[in-house]
C-alpha atoms as a PDB file:
ATOM      1  CA  MET A   1     -15.777 -44.374   3.186  1.00  0.00           C
ATOM      2  CA  VAL A   2     -15.021 -47.669   4.939  1.00  0.00           C
ATOM      3  CA  LYS A   3     -13.346 -47.061   8.272  1.00  0.00           C
ATOM      4  CA  ALA A   4      -9.852 -48.487   8.152  1.00  0.00           C
ATOM      5  CA  SER A   5      -8.388 -50.580  10.932  1.00  0.00           C
ATOM      6  CA  VAL A   6      -4.693 -49.753  11.157  1.00  0.00           C
ATOM      7  CA  VAL A   7      -2.201 -52.407  12.183  1.00  0.00           C
ATOM      8  CA  LYS A   8       1.468 -51.458  12.087  1.00  0.00           C
ATOM      9  CA  SER A   9       4.334 -53.868  11.693  1.00  0.00           C
ATOM     10  CA  PRO A  10       7.056 -53.981  14.385  1.00  0.00           C
ATOM     11  CA  ALA A  11       9.487 -52.400  11.917  1.00  0.00           C
ATOM     12  CA  ALA A  12       7.066 -49.604  11.195  1.00  0.00           C
ATOM     13  CA  ARG A  13       6.584 -48.874  14.886  1.00  0.00           C
ATOM     14  CA  ALA A  14      10.318 -48.631  15.403  1.00  0.00           C
ATOM     15  CA  ARG A  15      11.068 -46.549  12.343  1.00  0.00           C
ATOM     16  CA  LYS A  16      11.141 -42.784  12.660  1.00  0.00           C
ATOM     17  CA  PRO A  17       9.342 -40.755   9.991  1.00  0.00           C
ATOM     18  CA  THR A  18      11.638 -39.336   7.364  1.00  0.00           C
ATOM     19  CA  ALA A  19      11.530 -35.777   6.122  1.00  0.00           C
ATOM     20  CA  SER A  20       9.646 -35.279   2.867  1.00  0.00           C
ATOM     21  CA  LYS A  21      11.605 -34.292  -0.208  1.00  0.00           C
ATOM     22  CA  ARG A  22      11.710 -30.634  -1.001  1.00  0.00           C
ATOM     23  CA  ALA A  23       9.233 -29.618  -3.688  1.00  0.00           C
ATOM     24  CA  PRO A  24      10.767 -28.478  -6.964  1.00  0.00           C
ATOM     25  CA  THR A  25      10.989 -24.756  -7.491  1.00  0.00           C
ATOM     26  CA  LEU A  26       8.212 -23.808  -9.899  1.00  0.00           C
ATOM     27  CA  LYS A  27       7.856 -20.503 -11.636  1.00  0.00           C
ATOM     28  CA  PRO A  28       4.734 -18.593 -10.532  1.00  0.00           C
ATOM     29  CA  ALA A  29       3.045 -19.078 -13.913  1.00  0.00           C
ATOM     30  CA  GLU A  30       3.619 -22.835 -13.841  1.00  0.00           C
ATOM     31  CA  ARG A  31       2.453 -23.101 -10.250  1.00  0.00           C
ATOM     32  CA  ALA A  32      -0.708 -21.194 -11.196  1.00  0.00           C
ATOM     33  CA  ARG A  33      -1.277 -23.446 -14.221  1.00  0.00           C
ATOM     34  CA  ILE A  34      -1.077 -26.601 -12.125  1.00  0.00           C
ATOM     35  CA  GLU A  35      -3.314 -25.077  -9.463  1.00  0.00           C
ATOM     36  CA  THR A  36      -5.904 -24.210 -12.117  1.00  0.00           C
ATOM     37  CA  ILE A  37      -5.824 -27.705 -13.635  1.00  0.00           C
ATOM     38  CA  PHE A  38      -6.735 -29.343 -10.359  1.00  0.00           C
ATOM     39  CA  ALA A  39      -9.175 -26.602  -9.393  1.00  0.00           C
ATOM     40  CA  ARG A  40     -11.103 -27.371 -12.582  1.00  0.00           C
ATOM     41  CA  PHE A  41     -11.052 -31.092 -11.892  1.00  0.00           C
ATOM     42  CA  ALA A  42     -12.365 -30.317  -8.395  1.00  0.00           C
ATOM     43  CA  GLU A  43     -15.104 -28.073  -9.742  1.00  0.00           C
ATOM     44  CA  LEU A  44     -16.342 -30.782 -12.113  1.00  0.00           C
ATOM     45  CA  THR A  45     -15.887 -33.751  -9.769  1.00  0.00           C
ATOM     46  CA  PRO A  46     -15.533 -32.614  -6.149  1.00  0.00           C
ATOM     47  CA  ASP A  47     -15.550 -36.143  -4.756  1.00  0.00           C
ATOM     48  CA  PRO A  48     -13.914 -38.463  -7.317  1.00  0.00           C
ATOM     49  CA  ARG A  49     -14.278 -42.159  -6.647  1.00  0.00           C
ATOM     50  CA  GLY A  50     -12.404 -45.174  -7.797  1.00  0.00           C
ATOM     51  CA  GLU A  51     -14.488 -47.714  -9.669  1.00  0.00           C
ATOM     52  CA  LEU A  52     -13.413 -50.843  -7.789  1.00  0.00           C
ATOM     53  CA  GLU A  53     -16.143 -52.214  -5.502  1.00  0.00           C
ATOM     54  CA  TYR A  54     -15.306 -53.352  -1.981  1.00  0.00           C
ATOM     55  CA  VAL A  55     -16.804 -53.710   1.498  1.00  0.00           C
ATOM     56  CA  ASN A  56     -13.835 -53.289   3.846  1.00  0.00           C
ATOM     57  CA  PRO A  57     -10.059 -52.643   3.772  1.00  0.00           C
ATOM     58  CA  TYR A  58      -9.286 -56.298   3.116  1.00  0.00           C
ATOM     59  CA  THR A  59     -11.591 -56.647   0.121  1.00  0.00           C
ATOM     60  CA  PHE A  60     -10.258 -53.367  -1.249  1.00  0.00           C
ATOM     61  CA  LEU A  61      -6.694 -54.630  -0.969  1.00  0.00           C
ATOM     62  CA  VAL A  62      -7.656 -57.809  -2.828  1.00  0.00           C
ATOM     63  CA  ALA A  63      -9.563 -55.878  -5.508  1.00  0.00           C
ATOM     64  CA  VAL A  64      -6.632 -53.534  -6.156  1.00  0.00           C
ATOM     65  CA  ALA A  65      -4.180 -56.431  -6.342  1.00  0.00           C
ATOM     66  CA  LEU A  66      -6.457 -58.240  -8.799  1.00  0.00           C
ATOM     67  CA  SER A  67      -6.821 -55.110 -10.957  1.00  0.00           C
ATOM     68  CA  ALA A  68      -3.230 -55.233 -12.231  1.00  0.00           C
ATOM     69  CA  GLN A  69      -3.394 -55.653 -16.013  1.00  0.00           C
ATOM     70  CA  ALA A  70      -7.185 -55.904 -15.814  1.00  0.00           C
ATOM     71  CA  THR A  71     -10.093 -53.494 -16.034  1.00  0.00           C
ATOM     72  CA  ASP A  72     -12.016 -52.407 -12.954  1.00  0.00           C
ATOM     73  CA  LYS A  73     -15.189 -53.672 -14.633  1.00  0.00           C
ATOM     74  CA  SER A  74     -13.800 -57.177 -15.043  1.00  0.00           C
ATOM     75  CA  VAL A  75     -12.538 -57.202 -11.458  1.00  0.00           C
ATOM     76  CA  ASN A  76     -15.900 -56.071 -10.060  1.00  0.00           C
ATOM     77  CA  LYS A  77     -17.690 -58.780 -12.022  1.00  0.00           C
ATOM     78  CA  ALA A  78     -15.410 -61.422 -10.545  1.00  0.00           C
ATOM     79  CA  THR A  79     -15.232 -60.122  -6.977  1.00  0.00           C
ATOM     80  CA  ALA A  80     -18.959 -59.575  -6.408  1.00  0.00           C
ATOM     81  CA  PRO A  81     -19.607 -63.321  -5.873  1.00  0.00           C
ATOM     82  CA  LEU A  82     -16.162 -63.824  -4.312  1.00  0.00           C
ATOM     83  CA  PHE A  83     -16.581 -61.193  -1.614  1.00  0.00           C
ATOM     84  CA  ALA A  84     -20.031 -62.543  -0.814  1.00  0.00           C
ATOM     85  CA  VAL A  85     -18.330 -65.659   0.588  1.00  0.00           C
ATOM     86  CA  ALA A  86     -14.828 -64.364   1.426  1.00  0.00           C
ATOM     87  CA  ASP A  87     -14.590 -60.848   2.843  1.00  0.00           C
ATOM     88  CA  THR A  88     -11.864 -61.612   5.413  1.00  0.00           C
ATOM     89  CA  PRO A  89      -8.475 -63.312   5.175  1.00  0.00           C
ATOM     90  CA  ARG A  90      -9.719 -66.292   7.195  1.00  0.00           C
ATOM     91  CA  LYS A  91     -12.670 -66.821   4.861  1.00  0.00           C
ATOM     92  CA  MET A  92     -10.344 -66.465   1.869  1.00  0.00           C
ATOM     93  CA  LEU A  93      -8.198 -69.285   3.241  1.00  0.00           C
ATOM     94  CA  ASP A  94     -11.330 -71.424   3.457  1.00  0.00           C
ATOM     95  CA  VAL A  95     -11.921 -70.738  -0.245  1.00  0.00           C
ATOM     96  CA  GLY A  96      -8.420 -71.914  -1.137  1.00  0.00           C
ATOM     97  CA  VAL A  97      -6.375 -71.478  -4.296  1.00  0.00           C
ATOM     98  CA  GLU A  98      -8.283 -73.823  -6.604  1.00  0.00           C
ATOM     99  CA  ARG A  99     -11.727 -72.429  -5.804  1.00  0.00           C
ATOM    100  CA  LEU A 100     -10.393 -68.870  -5.895  1.00  0.00           C
ATOM    101  CA  GLU A 101      -9.079 -69.486  -9.391  1.00  0.00           C
ATOM    102  CA  GLY A 102     -12.619 -70.341 -10.413  1.00  0.00           C
ATOM    103  CA  PHE A 103     -13.908 -67.009  -9.121  1.00  0.00           C
ATOM    104  CA  ILE A 104     -11.254 -64.913 -10.872  1.00  0.00           C
ATOM    105  CA  ARG A 105     -10.653 -66.981 -14.010  1.00  0.00           C
ATOM    106  CA  THR A 106     -11.778 -64.107 -16.264  1.00  0.00           C
ATOM    107  CA  ILE A 107      -9.057 -61.798 -14.887  1.00  0.00           C
ATOM    108  CA  GLY A 108      -5.598 -61.724 -16.435  1.00  0.00           C
ATOM    109  CA  LEU A 109      -2.855 -63.677 -14.656  1.00  0.00           C
ATOM    110  CA  TYR A 110      -5.511 -65.266 -12.458  1.00  0.00           C
ATOM    111  CA  ARG A 111      -3.402 -68.258 -11.388  1.00  0.00           C
ATOM    112  CA  THR A 112      -0.547 -66.122 -10.091  1.00  0.00           C
ATOM    113  CA  LYS A 113      -2.974 -63.683  -8.482  1.00  0.00           C
ATOM    114  CA  ALA A 114      -4.863 -66.494  -6.747  1.00  0.00           C
ATOM    115  CA  LYS A 115      -1.635 -67.860  -5.248  1.00  0.00           C
ATOM    116  CA  ASN A 116      -0.647 -64.375  -4.065  1.00  0.00           C
ATOM    117  CA  VAL A 117      -4.057 -63.670  -2.508  1.00  0.00           C
ATOM    118  CA  ILE A 118      -3.970 -66.920  -0.549  1.00  0.00           C
ATOM    119  CA  ALA A 119      -0.329 -66.419   0.483  1.00  0.00           C
ATOM    120  CA  ALA A 120      -1.158 -62.883   1.661  1.00  0.00           C
ATOM    121  CA  ALA A 121      -4.184 -64.172   3.570  1.00  0.00           C
ATOM    122  CA  HIS A 122      -1.930 -66.605   5.468  1.00  0.00           C
ATOM    123  CA  ILE A 123       0.368 -63.735   6.480  1.00  0.00           C
ATOM    124  CA  LEU A 124      -2.540 -61.494   7.496  1.00  0.00           C
ATOM    125  CA  VAL A 125      -3.987 -64.226   9.701  1.00  0.00           C
ATOM    126  CA  ASP A 126      -0.696 -65.411  11.184  1.00  0.00           C
ATOM    127  CA  GLN A 127       1.018 -62.048  11.713  1.00  0.00           C
ATOM    128  CA  TYR A 128      -1.740 -59.432  11.905  1.00  0.00           C
ATOM    129  CA  GLY A 129      -4.702 -61.166  13.481  1.00  0.00           C
ATOM    130  CA  GLY A 130      -6.664 -61.099  10.253  1.00  0.00           C
ATOM    131  CA  GLU A 131      -6.414 -57.312   9.891  1.00  0.00           C
ATOM    132  CA  VAL A 132      -4.833 -55.348   7.052  1.00  0.00           C
ATOM    133  CA  PRO A 133      -1.636 -53.545   8.141  1.00  0.00           C
ATOM    134  CA  LEU A 134      -2.278 -50.124   6.674  1.00  0.00           C
ATOM    135  CA  GLU A 135       1.326 -49.008   6.625  1.00  0.00           C
ATOM    136  CA  ARG A 136       3.391 -48.886   3.445  1.00  0.00           C
ATOM    137  CA  VAL A 137       6.317 -51.153   4.298  1.00  0.00           C
ATOM    138  CA  ALA A 138       4.065 -53.834   5.786  1.00  0.00           C
ATOM    139  CA  LEU A 139       1.669 -53.681   2.858  1.00  0.00           C
ATOM    140  CA  GLN A 140       4.424 -53.923   0.270  1.00  0.00           C
ATOM    141  CA  SER A 141       5.817 -56.997   2.028  1.00  0.00           C
ATOM    142  CA  LEU A 142       2.646 -58.926   1.188  1.00  0.00           C
ATOM    143  CA  PRO A 143       2.719 -61.228  -1.863  1.00  0.00           C
ATOM    144  CA  GLY A 144       1.349 -59.486  -4.943  1.00  0.00           C
ATOM    145  CA  VAL A 145       1.343 -56.035  -3.347  1.00  0.00           C
ATOM    146  CA  GLY A 146       3.726 -53.542  -4.921  1.00  0.00           C
ATOM    147  CA  ARG A 147       4.154 -49.832  -4.440  1.00  0.00           C
ATOM    148  CA  LYS A 148       1.269 -48.927  -6.746  1.00  0.00           C
ATOM    149  CA  THR A 149      -1.198 -51.204  -4.968  1.00  0.00           C
ATOM    150  CA  ALA A 150      -0.066 -49.936  -1.570  1.00  0.00           C
ATOM    151  CA  SER A 151      -0.426 -46.311  -2.702  1.00  0.00           C
ATOM    152  CA  VAL A 152      -3.963 -46.888  -3.960  1.00  0.00           C
ATOM    153  CA  VAL A 153      -4.996 -48.567  -0.705  1.00  0.00           C
ATOM    154  CA  LEU A 154      -3.385 -45.994   1.592  1.00  0.00           C
ATOM    155  CA  ASN A 155      -4.819 -43.052  -0.335  1.00  0.00           C
ATOM    156  CA  GLN A 156      -8.334 -44.443  -0.737  1.00  0.00           C
ATOM    157  CA  LEU A 157      -8.628 -45.392   2.924  1.00  0.00           C
ATOM    158  CA  GLY A 158      -7.366 -42.011   4.119  1.00  0.00           C
ATOM    159  CA  ILE A 159      -4.131 -43.271   5.671  1.00  0.00           C
ATOM    160  CA  GLU A 160      -1.753 -41.081   3.682  1.00  0.00           C
ATOM    161  CA  PRO A 161      -1.922 -38.943   0.525  1.00  0.00           C
ATOM    162  CA  ALA A 162      -0.533 -40.943  -2.366  1.00  0.00           C
ATOM    163  CA  ILE A 163      -0.688 -40.799  -6.148  1.00  0.00           C
ATOM    164  CA  ALA A 164      -0.390 -44.253  -7.655  1.00  0.00           C
ATOM    165  CA  VAL A 165       0.878 -44.121 -11.219  1.00  0.00           C
ATOM    166  CA  ASP A 166      -0.745 -46.509 -13.680  1.00  0.00           C
ATOM    167  CA  THR A 167      -0.744 -46.182 -17.467  1.00  0.00           C
ATOM    168  CA  HIS A 168      -3.500 -43.545 -17.378  1.00  0.00           C
ATOM    169  CA  VAL A 169      -1.786 -41.367 -14.773  1.00  0.00           C
ATOM    170  CA  PHE A 170       1.559 -41.757 -16.555  1.00  0.00           C
ATOM    171  CA  ARG A 171       0.067 -40.677 -19.910  1.00  0.00           C
ATOM    172  CA  VAL A 172      -1.963 -37.754 -18.580  1.00  0.00           C
ATOM    173  CA  SER A 173       0.928 -36.472 -16.469  1.00  0.00           C
ATOM    174  CA  HIS A 174       3.160 -36.314 -19.534  1.00  0.00           C
ATOM    175  CA  ARG A 175       0.576 -34.742 -21.796  1.00  0.00           C
ATOM    176  CA  LEU A 176      -0.285 -32.083 -19.217  1.00  0.00           C
ATOM    177  CA  ASP A 177       3.449 -31.598 -18.549  1.00  0.00           C
ATOM    178  CA  LEU A 178       3.007 -32.342 -14.873  1.00  0.00           C
ATOM    179  CA  SER A 179       5.986 -34.663 -15.167  1.00  0.00           C
ATOM    180  CA  GLN A 180       8.439 -35.811 -17.803  1.00  0.00           C
ATOM    181  CA  ALA A 181       9.942 -38.561 -15.675  1.00  0.00           C
ATOM    182  CA  THR A 182      10.501 -41.801 -17.542  1.00  0.00           C
ATOM    183  CA  THR A 183       9.426 -44.220 -14.796  1.00  0.00           C
ATOM    184  CA  PRO A 184       6.231 -44.559 -12.731  1.00  0.00           C
ATOM    185  CA  ASP A 185       8.190 -43.930  -9.528  1.00  0.00           C
ATOM    186  CA  GLY A 186       9.681 -40.780 -11.027  1.00  0.00           C
ATOM    187  CA  VAL A 187       6.269 -39.511 -12.118  1.00  0.00           C
ATOM    188  CA  GLU A 188       4.891 -40.238  -8.661  1.00  0.00           C
ATOM    189  CA  ARG A 189       7.653 -38.237  -6.982  1.00  0.00           C
ATOM    190  CA  GLU A 190       7.070 -35.244  -9.259  1.00  0.00           C
ATOM    191  CA  LEU A 191       3.304 -35.332  -8.825  1.00  0.00           C
ATOM    192  CA  MET A 192       3.592 -35.556  -5.056  1.00  0.00           C
ATOM    193  CA  ALA A 193       5.891 -32.535  -5.123  1.00  0.00           C
ATOM    194  CA  LYS A 194       3.866 -30.441  -7.588  1.00  0.00           C
ATOM    195  CA  VAL A 195       0.204 -31.155  -6.873  1.00  0.00           C
ATOM    196  CA  PRO A 196      -1.165 -28.592  -4.387  1.00  0.00           C
ATOM    197  CA  GLU A 197      -1.720 -30.081  -0.948  1.00  0.00           C
ATOM    198  CA  THR A 198      -5.456 -29.417  -0.950  1.00  0.00           C
ATOM    199  CA  TYR A 199      -5.902 -31.618  -4.044  1.00  0.00           C
ATOM    200  CA  LYS A 200      -3.364 -34.330  -3.299  1.00  0.00           C
ATOM    201  CA  THR A 201      -5.693 -36.989  -1.895  1.00  0.00           C
ATOM    202  CA  ARG A 202      -7.997 -36.701  -4.931  1.00  0.00           C
ATOM    203  CA  ALA A 203      -5.417 -36.247  -7.693  1.00  0.00           C
ATOM    204  CA  HIS A 204      -4.972 -39.979  -8.241  1.00  0.00           C
ATOM    205  CA  HIS A 205      -8.646 -40.454  -9.089  1.00  0.00           C
ATOM    206  CA  TRP A 206      -8.903 -37.320 -11.236  1.00  0.00           C
ATOM    207  CA  LEU A 207      -5.918 -38.281 -13.360  1.00  0.00           C
ATOM    208  CA  ILE A 208      -7.076 -41.877 -13.800  1.00  0.00           C
ATOM    209  CA  LEU A 209     -10.633 -40.886 -14.742  1.00  0.00           C
ATOM    210  CA  HIS A 210      -9.354 -38.187 -17.081  1.00  0.00           C
ATOM    211  CA  GLY A 211      -7.087 -40.698 -18.810  1.00  0.00           C
ATOM    212  CA  ARG A 212      -9.769 -43.362 -18.934  1.00  0.00           C
ATOM    213  CA  TYR A 213     -12.542 -41.247 -20.458  1.00  0.00           C
ATOM    214  CA  ILE A 214     -11.057 -38.055 -21.984  1.00  0.00           C
ATOM    215  CA  CYS A 215      -7.296 -38.195 -22.463  1.00  0.00           C
ATOM    216  CA  VAL A 216      -7.364 -41.688 -23.918  1.00  0.00           C
ATOM    217  CA  ALA A 217      -4.291 -43.260 -25.475  1.00  0.00           C
ATOM    218  CA  ARG A 218      -4.947 -43.208 -29.218  1.00  0.00           C
ATOM    219  CA  LYS A 219      -7.443 -40.447 -29.928  1.00  0.00           C
ATOM    220  CA  PRO A 220      -7.774 -38.129 -26.928  1.00  0.00           C
ATOM    221  CA  LYS A 221     -11.043 -36.219 -26.786  1.00  0.00           C
ATOM    222  CA  CYS A 222      -9.380 -32.827 -26.600  1.00  0.00           C
ATOM    223  CA  LEU A 223     -12.472 -30.856 -27.567  1.00  0.00           C
ATOM    224  CA  SER A 224     -14.258 -32.312 -24.522  1.00  0.00           C
ATOM    225  CA  CYS A 225     -11.323 -31.660 -22.203  1.00  0.00           C
ATOM    226  CA  PRO A 226     -11.999 -29.230 -19.334  1.00  0.00           C
ATOM    227  CA  VAL A 227      -8.313 -28.263 -19.156  1.00  0.00           C
ATOM    228  CA  ILE A 228      -7.551 -27.999 -22.882  1.00  0.00           C
ATOM    229  CA  ALA A 229      -6.422 -24.365 -22.542  1.00  0.00           C
ATOM    230  CA  LEU A 230      -3.858 -25.490 -19.969  1.00  0.00           C
ATOM    231  CA  CYS A 231      -2.561 -28.496 -21.926  1.00  0.00           C
ATOM    232  CA  PRO A 232       0.645 -28.056 -23.930  1.00  0.00           C
ATOM    233  CA  SER A 233      -0.096 -31.267 -25.890  1.00  0.00           C
ATOM    234  CA  ALA A 234      -3.562 -30.401 -27.217  1.00  0.00           C
ATOM    235  CA  ALA A 235      -2.255 -28.923 -30.480  1.00  0.00           C
ATOM    236  CA  LEU A 236      -0.650 -32.279 -31.310  1.00  0.00           C
ATOM    237  CA  PHE A 237      -4.007 -34.046 -31.378  1.00  0.00           C
ATOM    238  CA  ILE A 238      -6.595 -31.503 -32.526  1.00  0.00           C
ATOM    239  CA  GLY A 239      -7.245 -32.080 -36.192  1.00  0.00           C
ATOM    240  CA  ALA A 240      -5.006 -35.132 -36.271  1.00  0.00           C
END
């Protein structure tokens, strides 16, 4: 894992930590079911990894921001040559918007993303000495960085446990009845409350990979699912 350099914003330094929300009361059987789901994921993939390629916290932040509405494969293809010449905010500013657009042209919304990456690079250089502020409020203040991107970065770099909710995590969470919340933020809150602490830092990757390769949107591969016996939705798809 790339060692993260933590830079906190003035507001973050002044703010006191808030108490975490109380976990929902789960019946023993449901708590055991959830525990078993993640224990099986851990048994099969003890050290799950995201598929975005990066060399340091800054390039990871850029890769995650670029991955919105794009596949990790397409992002990696575009960022390999980009990061070879621009792996710091200062170098990214030297690349500039127009040249950056050329690097990421194959990625969806590339013009908007290029403007955001350059705007964020200016802030990182001017306000943070070229370092990535690995604190949620500061991260989310950067152009093109929302809660999901910040959660992915903070979790991957070991700053705080977080479960970013993309379409895969949202779908799998509903099918496994880990959450029935109707918004990504709601699903995130329920997952953070229900996932056992020992699995929390890895849950994001397990759920994404499960949704990407097994619990796919149209025809989930239930017969290949390691947690089929624990899934209340399996009967809806088997034989369909």
